[in-house]
Amino acid sequence: MINSKASSPRPDAPASKDNGLEEVRLRQQAIGVKLRHMFDQVVNEPVPDEFLDILRQADERSSTKEGQ
């Protein structure tokens, strides 16, 4: 059975306060969606060749130091 009181705003709280909270939630949700989208774009970007070269050089140096 559905309780009609649970879905209606509290009688002691002004409607504008409930609307304000809903606006905040919607705004936070929109920000979260945009942040996830931006993060996905960054993750899917290719790694520049120059950066890969730097990483390879660092790996080579660390492996030669470990072999000594």
Protein backbone atom coordinates (compact mmCIF):
# COMPACT_ATOMS: atom_id res chain seq x y z
CA MET A 1 0.00 0.00 0.00
CA ILE A 2 1.32 3.44 -0.92
CA ASN A 3 1.54 6.04 1.80
CA SER A 4 0.40 9.36 0.36
CA LYS A 5 2.05 11.32 3.16
CA ALA A 6 5.53 10.06 2.21
CA SER A 7 5.36 11.60 -1.26
CA SER A 8 3.91 14.96 -0.23
CA PRO A 9 6.05 17.73 1.26
CA ARG A 10 6.09 18.18 5.00
CA PRO A 11 3.30 20.48 6.15
CA ASP A 12 5.68 22.45 8.39
CA ALA A 13 8.27 23.05 5.62
CA PRO A 14 7.72 25.79 3.08
CA ALA A 15 7.39 24.60 -0.52
CA SER A 16 10.13 26.98 -1.67
CA LYS A 17 12.66 25.24 0.58
CA ASP A 18 11.79 21.85 -0.97
CA ASN A 19 12.05 23.36 -4.43
CA GLY A 20 15.44 24.83 -3.53
CA LEU A 21 16.74 21.47 -2.35
CA GLU A 22 15.51 19.82 -5.53
CA GLU A 23 17.28 22.49 -7.61
CA VAL A 24 20.51 21.84 -5.71
CA ARG A 25 20.20 18.08 -6.26
CA LEU A 26 19.55 18.55 -9.98
CA ARG A 27 22.48 20.95 -10.29
CA GLN A 28 24.80 18.52 -8.48
CA GLN A 29 23.61 15.69 -10.70
CA ALA A 30 24.28 17.75 -13.84
CA ILE A 31 27.77 18.63 -12.60
CA GLY A 32 28.46 14.96 -11.92
CA VAL A 33 27.36 13.96 -15.41
CA LYS A 34 29.58 16.60 -17.00
CA LEU A 35 32.57 15.62 -14.85
CA ARG A 36 32.18 11.95 -15.79
CA HIS A 37 31.97 12.91 -19.46
CA MET A 38 35.12 15.04 -19.21
CA PHE A 39 36.97 12.28 -17.35
CA ASP A 40 36.00 9.73 -20.02
CA GLN A 41 37.32 12.05 -22.72
CA VAL A 42 40.66 12.48 -20.95
CA VAL A 43 41.03 8.75 -20.31
CA ASN A 44 40.40 7.97 -23.97
CA GLU A 45 42.92 10.51 -25.30
CA PRO A 46 46.05 8.96 -26.82
CA VAL A 47 49.32 9.27 -24.92
CA PRO A 48 51.78 11.58 -26.75
CA ASP A 49 54.80 9.81 -28.27
CA GLU A 50 57.20 12.14 -26.43
CA PHE A 51 55.74 11.10 -23.11
CA LEU A 52 55.98 7.41 -24.03
CA ASP A 53 59.66 7.97 -24.91
CA ILE A 54 60.30 9.54 -21.51
CA LEU A 55 58.64 6.57 -19.79
CA ARG A 56 60.71 4.09 -21.81
CA GLN A 57 63.93 5.92 -20.92
CA ALA A 58 62.99 5.92 -17.25
CA ASP A 59 62.27 2.16 -17.39
CA GLU A 60 65.61 1.50 -19.07
CA ARG A 61 67.49 3.52 -16.44
CA SER A 62 65.75 1.82 -13.56
CA SER A 63 66.36 -1.66 -15.01
CA THR A 64 70.11 -0.97 -15.52
CA LYS A 65 70.42 0.32 -11.92
CA GLU A 66 68.71 -2.83 -10.61
CA GLY A 67 71.11 -5.03 -12.60
CA GLN A 68 74.24 -3.52 -11.01
